[in-house]
Amino acid sequence: MSCLRVVSWSIQFLLLLVLICAILVGKIHALVDAPRLPLDAVHRKPLLAVSSSSLRGGHQEESLSLEVEEPPVPPPEGFYLEHNIVPEETWKRLEHWLEHDTTIPWEIGAQNRSVAQFGFRYNYDTSEVEFAGDDDIVPEIPVILRQLLLQAPGTRRILEQIKGAAKATTEFTQCIINVYHDHDIIPWHWDHVDFGPTILVFTFGETRPLQLRKLLQKTSSPLPRSQCHHNEGDYDATKDYQYCTTTPGHSSSYVLSGPCRYQWEHSVPPGAGYRVSFTFRTHVNNQQRHHSDD
């Protein structure tokens, strides 16, 4: 009888061990299958991020921030940009013309850039404007530029976006070509108010930032006729301006009109390669003369 009891107790003990083992195995599987958190999830702290999204006075600065980089500032009202607006075969024709046409009136302009002007010419020495027809000093805009750029379908498409008074002023009477090599720049400025409410630009070659900035305080409109930039000594470049940067690449086109034309300065920083731009404008006096000749 005692032997039977011993056997019964042994069986019960073994069953209890099996039950305990089953419970332990279940817990182990639950731990193994649980989703794993990143190593720093429990004691995560704000990470210091280096932000270089702000532009100050034309130079990129790095600053420490406890936040993720701020979203880019949207372009100002009146700014329009389209990429790949000019077909590559069109650019090849323009490039050949730039290299081989001996009638292009190349000169050395501001910041030692190679410049050619048609329709009217800004004299960098006298700060005066000379028009085509004044003793044939300035040639008219070449037909190749009108056909390949001004009359292109993509150009009409971007000009149709212009709003307000600038929409009626797209009969351009001047083209200025700027050639940039490495380290060539355009400093902060706005195009003189006499150069019309609409500026149309085509860019080819190296992609460089187009920097825009606006005084945070109210800016007079129209801009002062006596100058083409704010006095640097009057404002703090790190505090007094709102900045925006766009990147028109090869075969891109952009428009400055409306508030962007009259309230924002723009600049092009130095680069590392070749870039050329074609800028179309309309001078007030030149436009009046053009219509009187019709």
C-alpha atoms as a PDB file:
ATOM      1  CA  MET A   1       0.000   0.000   0.000  1.00  0.00           C
ATOM      2  CA  SER A   2       2.805   2.369   0.889  1.00  0.00           C
ATOM      3  CA  CYS A   3       4.481   1.667  -2.429  1.00  0.00           C
ATOM      4  CA  LEU A   4       1.375   2.747  -4.312  1.00  0.00           C
ATOM      5  CA  ARG A   5       1.295   6.025  -2.388  1.00  0.00           C
ATOM      6  CA  VAL A   6       4.941   6.715  -3.211  1.00  0.00           C
ATOM      7  CA  VAL A   7       4.285   6.098  -6.890  1.00  0.00           C
ATOM      8  CA  SER A   8       1.206   8.375  -6.815  1.00  0.00           C
ATOM      9  CA  TRP A   9       3.109  11.192  -5.126  1.00  0.00           C
ATOM     10  CA  SER A  10       5.946  10.840  -7.631  1.00  0.00           C
ATOM     11  CA  ILE A  11       3.541  11.091 -10.540  1.00  0.00           C
ATOM     12  CA  GLN A  12       1.883  14.193  -9.062  1.00  0.00           C
ATOM     13  CA  PHE A  13       5.289  15.783  -8.461  1.00  0.00           C
ATOM     14  CA  LEU A  14       6.344  15.122 -12.042  1.00  0.00           C
ATOM     15  CA  LEU A  15       3.081  16.588 -13.353  1.00  0.00           C
ATOM     16  CA  LEU A  16       3.647  19.685 -11.239  1.00  0.00           C
ATOM     17  CA  LEU A  17       7.176  20.056 -12.645  1.00  0.00           C
ATOM     18  CA  VAL A  18       5.843  19.702 -16.190  1.00  0.00           C
ATOM     19  CA  LEU A  19       3.219  22.381 -15.514  1.00  0.00           C
ATOM     20  CA  ILE A  20       5.810  24.760 -14.077  1.00  0.00           C
ATOM     21  CA  CYS A  21       8.120  24.190 -17.036  1.00  0.00           C
ATOM     22  CA  ALA A  22       5.278  24.850 -19.490  1.00  0.00           C
ATOM     23  CA  ILE A  23       4.482  28.142 -17.789  1.00  0.00           C
ATOM     24  CA  LEU A  24       8.137  29.203 -17.856  1.00  0.00           C
ATOM     25  CA  VAL A  25       8.520  28.270 -21.528  1.00  0.00           C
ATOM     26  CA  GLY A  26       5.438  30.332 -22.409  1.00  0.00           C
ATOM     27  CA  LYS A  27       6.811  33.402 -20.672  1.00  0.00           C
ATOM     28  CA  ILE A  28      10.156  33.011 -22.425  1.00  0.00           C
ATOM     29  CA  HIS A  29       8.449  32.849 -25.849  1.00  0.00           C
ATOM     30  CA  ALA A  30       6.423  35.944 -25.018  1.00  0.00           C
ATOM     31  CA  LEU A  31       9.577  37.858 -24.185  1.00  0.00           C
ATOM     32  CA  VAL A  32      11.364  36.686 -27.317  1.00  0.00           C
ATOM     33  CA  ASP A  33       8.469  37.594 -29.610  1.00  0.00           C
ATOM     34  CA  ALA A  34       7.887  41.039 -28.092  1.00  0.00           C
ATOM     35  CA  PRO A  35       8.743  44.014 -30.386  1.00  0.00           C
ATOM     36  CA  ARG A  36      12.197  45.379 -29.773  1.00  0.00           C
ATOM     37  CA  LEU A  37      12.723  49.078 -29.100  1.00  0.00           C
ATOM     38  CA  PRO A  38      15.788  51.024 -30.217  1.00  0.00           C
ATOM     39  CA  LEU A  39      18.637  50.937 -27.772  1.00  0.00           C
ATOM     40  CA  ASP A  40      18.154  54.594 -26.903  1.00  0.00           C
ATOM     41  CA  ALA A  41      14.345  54.420 -26.615  1.00  0.00           C
ATOM     42  CA  VAL A  42      14.234  54.203 -22.845  1.00  0.00           C
ATOM     43  CA  HIS A  43      16.701  56.963 -22.054  1.00  0.00           C
ATOM     44  CA  ARG A  44      16.334  58.984 -25.227  1.00  0.00           C
ATOM     45  CA  LYS A  45      17.406  62.626 -24.993  1.00  0.00           C
ATOM     46  CA  PRO A  46      17.039  65.493 -27.488  1.00  0.00           C
ATOM     47  CA  LEU A  47      19.805  65.143 -30.046  1.00  0.00           C
ATOM     48  CA  LEU A  48      21.878  68.149 -31.065  1.00  0.00           C
ATOM     49  CA  ALA A  49      21.509  68.614 -34.821  1.00  0.00           C
ATOM     50  CA  VAL A  50      23.718  70.776 -36.995  1.00  0.00           C
ATOM     51  CA  SER A  51      21.489  72.980 -39.118  1.00  0.00           C
ATOM     52  CA  SER A  52      22.791  74.824 -42.169  1.00  0.00           C
ATOM     53  CA  SER A  53      19.457  75.815 -43.638  1.00  0.00           C
ATOM     54  CA  SER A  54      19.821  79.538 -43.028  1.00  0.00           C
ATOM     55  CA  LEU A  55      21.696  81.951 -45.259  1.00  0.00           C
ATOM     56  CA  ARG A  56      23.153  85.064 -43.798  1.00  0.00           C
ATOM     57  CA  GLY A  57      24.635  87.777 -45.952  1.00  0.00           C
ATOM     58  CA  GLY A  58      25.278  85.379 -48.797  1.00  0.00           C
ATOM     59  CA  HIS A  59      27.224  82.887 -46.693  1.00  0.00           C
ATOM     60  CA  GLN A  60      26.062  79.590 -45.294  1.00  0.00           C
ATOM     61  CA  GLU A  61      26.370  79.274 -41.534  1.00  0.00           C
ATOM     62  CA  GLU A  62      26.190  76.233 -39.268  1.00  0.00           C
ATOM     63  CA  SER A  63      24.302  76.499 -35.991  1.00  0.00           C
ATOM     64  CA  LEU A  64      23.362  74.071 -33.221  1.00  0.00           C
ATOM     65  CA  SER A  65      19.685  73.295 -32.866  1.00  0.00           C
ATOM     66  CA  LEU A  66      17.637  71.039 -30.607  1.00  0.00           C
ATOM     67  CA  GLU A  67      15.055  70.564 -33.347  1.00  0.00           C
ATOM     68  CA  VAL A  68      14.870  68.915 -36.718  1.00  0.00           C
ATOM     69  CA  GLU A  69      15.709  71.271 -39.602  1.00  0.00           C
ATOM     70  CA  GLU A  70      12.894  73.690 -40.310  1.00  0.00           C
ATOM     71  CA  PRO A  71      10.983  73.191 -43.567  1.00  0.00           C
ATOM     72  CA  PRO A  72      12.211  75.373 -46.444  1.00  0.00           C
ATOM     73  CA  VAL A  73      10.733  78.844 -46.745  1.00  0.00           C
ATOM     74  CA  PRO A  74       8.307  78.985 -49.687  1.00  0.00           C
ATOM     75  CA  PRO A  75       9.289  81.269 -52.584  1.00  0.00           C
ATOM     76  CA  PRO A  76       7.944  84.825 -52.382  1.00  0.00           C
ATOM     77  CA  GLU A  77       4.832  85.912 -54.225  1.00  0.00           C
ATOM     78  CA  GLY A  78       5.650  86.770 -57.836  1.00  0.00           C
ATOM     79  CA  PHE A  79       8.483  84.227 -58.134  1.00  0.00           C
ATOM     80  CA  TYR A  80       7.994  81.465 -60.702  1.00  0.00           C
ATOM     81  CA  LEU A  81      10.475  78.690 -61.509  1.00  0.00           C
ATOM     82  CA  GLU A  82      10.354  75.867 -64.044  1.00  0.00           C
ATOM     83  CA  HIS A  83      13.080  73.265 -64.490  1.00  0.00           C
ATOM     84  CA  ASN A  84      14.108  71.756 -67.843  1.00  0.00           C
ATOM     85  CA  ILE A  85      12.114  74.342 -69.738  1.00  0.00           C
ATOM     86  CA  VAL A  86      14.605  74.503 -72.638  1.00  0.00           C
ATOM     87  CA  PRO A  87      15.324  71.340 -74.693  1.00  0.00           C
ATOM     88  CA  GLU A  88      18.944  70.218 -74.759  1.00  0.00           C
ATOM     89  CA  GLU A  89      19.186  70.622 -78.540  1.00  0.00           C
ATOM     90  CA  THR A  90      18.146  74.270 -78.119  1.00  0.00           C
ATOM     91  CA  TRP A  91      20.897  74.795 -75.577  1.00  0.00           C
ATOM     92  CA  LYS A  92      23.437  73.236 -77.968  1.00  0.00           C
ATOM     93  CA  ARG A  93      22.457  75.777 -80.633  1.00  0.00           C
ATOM     94  CA  LEU A  94      22.780  78.623 -78.131  1.00  0.00           C
ATOM     95  CA  GLU A  95      26.121  77.308 -76.915  1.00  0.00           C
ATOM     96  CA  HIS A  96      27.445  77.156 -80.483  1.00  0.00           C
ATOM     97  CA  TRP A  97      26.223  80.712 -81.089  1.00  0.00           C
ATOM     98  CA  LEU A  98      27.934  81.985 -77.927  1.00  0.00           C
ATOM     99  CA  GLU A  99      31.233  80.396 -78.926  1.00  0.00           C
ATOM    100  CA  HIS A 100      31.324  81.329 -82.618  1.00  0.00           C
ATOM    101  CA  ASP A 101      29.326  84.509 -83.282  1.00  0.00           C
ATOM    102  CA  THR A 102      31.889  87.309 -83.528  1.00  0.00           C
ATOM    103  CA  THR A 103      29.231  90.053 -83.418  1.00  0.00           C
ATOM    104  CA  ILE A 104      28.324  89.446 -79.772  1.00  0.00           C
ATOM    105  CA  PRO A 105      29.385  92.643 -77.908  1.00  0.00           C
ATOM    106  CA  TRP A 106      31.300  91.032 -75.052  1.00  0.00           C
ATOM    107  CA  GLU A 107      32.616  93.298 -72.315  1.00  0.00           C
ATOM    108  CA  ILE A 108      33.824  92.977 -68.743  1.00  0.00           C
ATOM    109  CA  GLY A 109      31.020  93.897 -66.368  1.00  0.00           C
ATOM    110  CA  ALA A 110      30.673  94.071 -62.611  1.00  0.00           C
ATOM    111  CA  GLN A 111      32.676  91.562 -60.533  1.00  0.00           C
ATOM    112  CA  ASN A 112      34.767  90.900 -63.698  1.00  0.00           C
ATOM    113  CA  ARG A 113      32.067  88.773 -65.342  1.00  0.00           C
ATOM    114  CA  SER A 114      31.880  88.475 -69.127  1.00  0.00           C
ATOM    115  CA  VAL A 115      28.736  90.344 -70.165  1.00  0.00           C
ATOM    116  CA  ALA A 116      26.901  91.051 -73.436  1.00  0.00           C
ATOM    117  CA  GLN A 117      23.950  93.456 -73.664  1.00  0.00           C
ATOM    118  CA  PHE A 118      21.318  93.881 -76.367  1.00  0.00           C
ATOM    119  CA  GLY A 119      18.455  96.349 -76.779  1.00  0.00           C
ATOM    120  CA  PHE A 120      19.881  98.748 -74.236  1.00  0.00           C
ATOM    121  CA  ARG A 121      23.128  98.793 -72.343  1.00  0.00           C
ATOM    122  CA  TYR A 122      23.862  99.681 -68.754  1.00  0.00           C
ATOM    123  CA  ASN A 123      27.177 101.538 -68.648  1.00  0.00           C
ATOM    124  CA  TYR A 124      29.018 100.273 -65.582  1.00  0.00           C
ATOM    125  CA  ASP A 125      31.377 103.264 -65.651  1.00  0.00           C
ATOM    126  CA  THR A 126      28.808 106.071 -65.904  1.00  0.00           C
ATOM    127  CA  SER A 127      25.747 104.271 -64.421  1.00  0.00           C
ATOM    128  CA  GLU A 128      23.759 105.452 -67.446  1.00  0.00           C
ATOM    129  CA  VAL A 129      21.589 103.528 -69.900  1.00  0.00           C
ATOM    130  CA  GLU A 130      22.367 103.538 -73.639  1.00  0.00           C
ATOM    131  CA  PHE A 131      19.702 102.397 -76.106  1.00  0.00           C
ATOM    132  CA  ALA A 132      19.879 100.568 -79.409  1.00  0.00           C
ATOM    133  CA  GLY A 133      19.777 103.107 -82.218  1.00  0.00           C
ATOM    134  CA  ASP A 134      21.889 105.672 -80.374  1.00  0.00           C
ATOM    135  CA  ASP A 135      24.543 105.854 -83.095  1.00  0.00           C
ATOM    136  CA  ASP A 136      24.323 102.049 -83.274  1.00  0.00           C
ATOM    137  CA  ILE A 137      26.067 101.707 -79.914  1.00  0.00           C
ATOM    138  CA  VAL A 138      23.871  98.811 -78.768  1.00  0.00           C
ATOM    139  CA  PRO A 139      22.623  96.036 -81.102  1.00  0.00           C
ATOM    140  CA  GLU A 140      19.030  94.836 -81.020  1.00  0.00           C
ATOM    141  CA  ILE A 141      18.104  91.537 -79.385  1.00  0.00           C
ATOM    142  CA  PRO A 142      19.289  88.831 -81.833  1.00  0.00           C
ATOM    143  CA  VAL A 143      16.659  86.832 -83.681  1.00  0.00           C
ATOM    144  CA  ILE A 144      18.122  83.576 -82.366  1.00  0.00           C
ATOM    145  CA  LEU A 145      17.381  84.612 -78.773  1.00  0.00           C
ATOM    146  CA  ARG A 146      13.834  85.664 -79.593  1.00  0.00           C
ATOM    147  CA  GLN A 147      13.108  82.450 -81.485  1.00  0.00           C
ATOM    148  CA  LEU A 148      14.799  79.946 -79.184  1.00  0.00           C
ATOM    149  CA  LEU A 149      13.963  81.529 -75.829  1.00  0.00           C
ATOM    150  CA  LEU A 150      11.232  84.191 -75.914  1.00  0.00           C
ATOM    151  CA  GLN A 151       8.995  82.396 -78.417  1.00  0.00           C
ATOM    152  CA  ALA A 152       9.441  78.897 -76.973  1.00  0.00           C
ATOM    153  CA  PRO A 153       6.298  77.089 -75.695  1.00  0.00           C
ATOM    154  CA  GLY A 154       7.811  76.699 -72.233  1.00  0.00           C
ATOM    155  CA  THR A 155       8.389  80.445 -72.000  1.00  0.00           C
ATOM    156  CA  ARG A 156       4.772  81.224 -72.783  1.00  0.00           C
ATOM    157  CA  ARG A 157       3.745  78.721 -70.135  1.00  0.00           C
ATOM    158  CA  ILE A 158       5.764  80.334 -67.352  1.00  0.00           C
ATOM    159  CA  LEU A 159       4.770  83.876 -68.367  1.00  0.00           C
ATOM    160  CA  GLU A 160       1.093  82.925 -68.212  1.00  0.00           C
ATOM    161  CA  GLN A 161       1.491  82.431 -64.456  1.00  0.00           C
ATOM    162  CA  ILE A 162       2.305  86.101 -63.872  1.00  0.00           C
ATOM    163  CA  LYS A 163      -0.398  88.056 -62.096  1.00  0.00           C
ATOM    164  CA  GLY A 164      -1.269  91.724 -61.731  1.00  0.00           C
ATOM    165  CA  ALA A 165       0.277  94.652 -63.582  1.00  0.00           C
ATOM    166  CA  ALA A 166       3.398  92.675 -64.498  1.00  0.00           C
ATOM    167  CA  LYS A 167       1.323  90.394 -66.742  1.00  0.00           C
ATOM    168  CA  ALA A 168       0.937  93.168 -69.312  1.00  0.00           C
ATOM    169  CA  THR A 169       4.674  93.839 -69.475  1.00  0.00           C
ATOM    170  CA  THR A 170       6.251  90.827 -71.134  1.00  0.00           C
ATOM    171  CA  GLU A 171       7.324  92.529 -74.364  1.00  0.00           C
ATOM    172  CA  PHE A 172      11.002  92.499 -73.476  1.00  0.00           C
ATOM    173  CA  THR A 173      13.319  95.083 -75.020  1.00  0.00           C
ATOM    174  CA  GLN A 174      16.626  94.055 -73.472  1.00  0.00           C
ATOM    175  CA  CYS A 175      18.665  90.903 -73.053  1.00  0.00           C
ATOM    176  CA  ILE A 176      21.807  90.706 -70.953  1.00  0.00           C
ATOM    177  CA  ILE A 177      24.044  87.633 -71.029  1.00  0.00           C
ATOM    178  CA  ASN A 178      26.164  86.876 -67.959  1.00  0.00           C
ATOM    179  CA  VAL A 179      28.921  84.261 -68.052  1.00  0.00           C
ATOM    180  CA  TYR A 180      30.070  82.844 -64.708  1.00  0.00           C
ATOM    181  CA  HIS A 181      33.255  80.936 -64.088  1.00  0.00           C
ATOM    182  CA  ASP A 182      34.309  79.467 -60.769  1.00  0.00           C
ATOM    183  CA  HIS A 183      34.178  82.044 -57.954  1.00  0.00           C
ATOM    184  CA  ASP A 184      32.178  84.560 -60.045  1.00  0.00           C
ATOM    185  CA  ILE A 185      29.223  85.981 -58.126  1.00  0.00           C
ATOM    186  CA  ILE A 186      26.331  88.422 -58.238  1.00  0.00           C
ATOM    187  CA  PRO A 187      26.070  90.374 -54.956  1.00  0.00           C
ATOM    188  CA  TRP A 188      22.842  91.272 -53.192  1.00  0.00           C
ATOM    189  CA  HIS A 189      20.787  93.690 -55.301  1.00  0.00           C
ATOM    190  CA  TRP A 190      17.495  94.302 -57.072  1.00  0.00           C
ATOM    191  CA  ASP A 191      17.236  95.285 -60.718  1.00  0.00           C
ATOM    192  CA  HIS A 192      16.674  99.042 -61.005  1.00  0.00           C
ATOM    193  CA  VAL A 193      12.981  99.956 -60.944  1.00  0.00           C
ATOM    194  CA  ASP A 194      13.283 101.475 -64.447  1.00  0.00           C
ATOM    195  CA  PHE A 195      13.931  97.960 -65.780  1.00  0.00           C
ATOM    196  CA  GLY A 196      10.243  97.064 -65.665  1.00  0.00           C
ATOM    197  CA  PRO A 197       7.984  94.960 -63.431  1.00  0.00           C
ATOM    198  CA  THR A 198       8.970  91.603 -64.943  1.00  0.00           C
ATOM    199  CA  ILE A 199      12.406  89.969 -65.079  1.00  0.00           C
ATOM    200  CA  LEU A 200      12.726  86.717 -67.058  1.00  0.00           C
ATOM    201  CA  VAL A 201      15.898  84.627 -66.656  1.00  0.00           C
ATOM    202  CA  PHE A 202      17.171  81.432 -68.320  1.00  0.00           C
ATOM    203  CA  THR A 203      20.085  79.538 -66.750  1.00  0.00           C
ATOM    204  CA  PHE A 204      22.404  76.921 -68.253  1.00  0.00           C
ATOM    205  CA  GLY A 205      25.415  75.006 -66.995  1.00  0.00           C
ATOM    206  CA  GLU A 206      26.266  74.610 -63.327  1.00  0.00           C
ATOM    207  CA  THR A 207      23.392  74.588 -60.856  1.00  0.00           C
ATOM    208  CA  ARG A 208      23.865  77.419 -58.376  1.00  0.00           C
ATOM    209  CA  PRO A 209      21.563  78.680 -55.633  1.00  0.00           C
ATOM    210  CA  LEU A 210      19.519  81.790 -56.281  1.00  0.00           C
ATOM    211  CA  GLN A 211      19.327  83.506 -52.915  1.00  0.00           C
ATOM    212  CA  LEU A 212      16.457  85.845 -52.048  1.00  0.00           C
ATOM    213  CA  ARG A 213      16.073  88.068 -49.021  1.00  0.00           C
ATOM    214  CA  LYS A 214      13.579  90.637 -47.756  1.00  0.00           C
ATOM    215  CA  LEU A 215      13.735  93.124 -44.924  1.00  0.00           C
ATOM    216  CA  LEU A 216      11.503  91.978 -42.088  1.00  0.00           C
ATOM    217  CA  GLN A 217      10.298  95.535 -41.640  1.00  0.00           C
ATOM    218  CA  LYS A 218       8.023  96.994 -44.288  1.00  0.00           C
ATOM    219  CA  THR A 219       9.902  97.756 -47.478  1.00  0.00           C
ATOM    220  CA  SER A 220       8.917 100.781 -49.517  1.00  0.00           C
ATOM    221  CA  SER A 221       7.352 100.084 -52.890  1.00  0.00           C
ATOM    222  CA  PRO A 222       8.421 101.076 -55.421  1.00  0.00           C
ATOM    223  CA  LEU A 223      12.017 100.694 -54.349  1.00  0.00           C
ATOM    224  CA  PRO A 224      14.294 103.746 -54.194  1.00  0.00           C
ATOM    225  CA  ARG A 225      15.192 104.890 -57.699  1.00  0.00           C
ATOM    226  CA  SER A 226      18.598 106.115 -56.564  1.00  0.00           C
ATOM    227  CA  GLN A 227      20.053 102.702 -55.684  1.00  0.00           C
ATOM    228  CA  CYS A 228      19.784  98.979 -56.358  1.00  0.00           C
ATOM    229  CA  HIS A 229      20.426  97.497 -52.910  1.00  0.00           C
ATOM    230  CA  HIS A 230      19.873  98.200 -49.241  1.00  0.00           C
ATOM    231  CA  ASN A 231      22.721  99.842 -47.366  1.00  0.00           C
ATOM    232  CA  GLU A 232      24.515  96.953 -45.666  1.00  0.00           C
ATOM    233  CA  GLY A 233      25.573  99.068 -42.697  1.00  0.00           C
ATOM    234  CA  ASP A 234      21.979  99.949 -41.836  1.00  0.00           C
ATOM    235  CA  TYR A 235      20.802  96.399 -41.145  1.00  0.00           C
ATOM    236  CA  ASP A 236      21.899  93.209 -39.404  1.00  0.00           C
ATOM    237  CA  ALA A 237      22.137  90.425 -41.986  1.00  0.00           C
ATOM    238  CA  THR A 238      21.423  87.766 -39.329  1.00  0.00           C
ATOM    239  CA  LYS A 239      18.358  89.407 -37.780  1.00  0.00           C
ATOM    240  CA  ASP A 240      16.740  91.924 -40.116  1.00  0.00           C
ATOM    241  CA  TYR A 241      16.073  89.755 -43.183  1.00  0.00           C
ATOM    242  CA  GLN A 242      13.888  86.865 -44.225  1.00  0.00           C
ATOM    243  CA  TYR A 243      15.724  84.451 -46.537  1.00  0.00           C
ATOM    244  CA  CYS A 244      14.690  82.008 -49.232  1.00  0.00           C
ATOM    245  CA  THR A 245      16.911  79.891 -51.485  1.00  0.00           C
ATOM    246  CA  THR A 246      15.940  78.257 -54.780  1.00  0.00           C
ATOM    247  CA  THR A 247      18.052  76.151 -57.141  1.00  0.00           C
ATOM    248  CA  PRO A 248      17.425  76.814 -60.835  1.00  0.00           C
ATOM    249  CA  GLY A 249      19.434  74.185 -62.663  1.00  0.00           C
ATOM    250  CA  HIS A 250      20.575  73.637 -66.222  1.00  0.00           C
ATOM    251  CA  SER A 251      17.909  74.666 -68.777  1.00  0.00           C
ATOM    252  CA  SER A 252      15.717  76.250 -66.091  1.00  0.00           C
ATOM    253  CA  SER A 253      13.837  79.534 -66.221  1.00  0.00           C
ATOM    254  CA  TYR A 254      12.498  81.795 -63.493  1.00  0.00           C
ATOM    255  CA  VAL A 255      10.519  85.038 -63.251  1.00  0.00           C
ATOM    256  CA  LEU A 256      10.810  87.893 -60.766  1.00  0.00           C
ATOM    257  CA  SER A 257       7.574  89.873 -60.633  1.00  0.00           C
ATOM    258  CA  GLY A 258       5.172  91.447 -58.150  1.00  0.00           C
ATOM    259  CA  PRO A 259       6.374  91.556 -54.518  1.00  0.00           C
ATOM    260  CA  CYS A 260       9.395  89.413 -55.392  1.00  0.00           C
ATOM    261  CA  ARG A 261      10.489  92.003 -57.946  1.00  0.00           C
ATOM    262  CA  TYR A 262       9.989  95.064 -55.741  1.00  0.00           C
ATOM    263  CA  GLN A 263      10.569  93.873 -52.173  1.00  0.00           C
ATOM    264  CA  TRP A 264      13.233  91.165 -52.378  1.00  0.00           C
ATOM    265  CA  GLU A 265      16.932  91.378 -53.185  1.00  0.00           C
ATOM    266  CA  HIS A 266      18.615  88.465 -54.949  1.00  0.00           C
ATOM    267  CA  SER A 267      22.162  87.164 -55.319  1.00  0.00           C
ATOM    268  CA  VAL A 268      24.123  84.278 -56.834  1.00  0.00           C
ATOM    269  CA  PRO A 269      26.983  82.859 -54.709  1.00  0.00           C
ATOM    270  CA  PRO A 270      30.291  81.587 -56.090  1.00  0.00           C
ATOM    271  CA  GLY A 271      30.406  78.148 -57.661  1.00  0.00           C
ATOM    272  CA  ALA A 272      32.918  75.719 -59.076  1.00  0.00           C
ATOM    273  CA  GLY A 273      31.997  75.558 -62.747  1.00  0.00           C
ATOM    274  CA  TYR A 274      30.676  77.274 -65.854  1.00  0.00           C
ATOM    275  CA  ARG A 275      27.260  78.937 -65.807  1.00  0.00           C
ATOM    276  CA  VAL A 276      25.562  81.299 -68.249  1.00  0.00           C
ATOM    277  CA  SER A 277      22.316  83.225 -67.858  1.00  0.00           C
ATOM    278  CA  PHE A 278      20.096  85.136 -70.286  1.00  0.00           C
ATOM    279  CA  THR A 279      18.101  87.908 -68.580  1.00  0.00           C
ATOM    280  CA  PHE A 280      15.247  89.686 -70.361  1.00  0.00           C
ATOM    281  CA  ARG A 281      13.962  93.059 -69.133  1.00  0.00           C
ATOM    282  CA  THR A 282      12.083  96.120 -70.372  1.00  0.00           C
ATOM    283  CA  HIS A 283      13.352  99.629 -69.671  1.00  0.00           C
ATOM    284  CA  VAL A 284      10.604 102.204 -69.181  1.00  0.00           C
ATOM    285  CA  ASN A 285      12.076 104.720 -71.650  1.00  0.00           C
ATOM    286  CA  ASN A 286      13.044 101.976 -74.093  1.00  0.00           C
ATOM    287  CA  GLN A 287       9.500 100.593 -74.056  1.00  0.00           C
ATOM    288  CA  GLN A 288       8.033 104.035 -74.757  1.00  0.00           C
ATOM    289  CA  ARG A 289      10.458 104.528 -77.632  1.00  0.00           C
ATOM    290  CA  HIS A 290       9.711 101.049 -78.977  1.00  0.00           C
ATOM    291  CA  HIS A 291       5.965 101.750 -79.139  1.00  0.00           C
ATOM    292  CA  SER A 292       6.458 105.207 -80.679  1.00  0.00           C
ATOM    293  CA  ASP A 293       8.398 103.599 -83.532  1.00  0.00           C
ATOM    294  CA  ASP A 294       5.511 101.219 -84.378  1.00  0.00           C
END
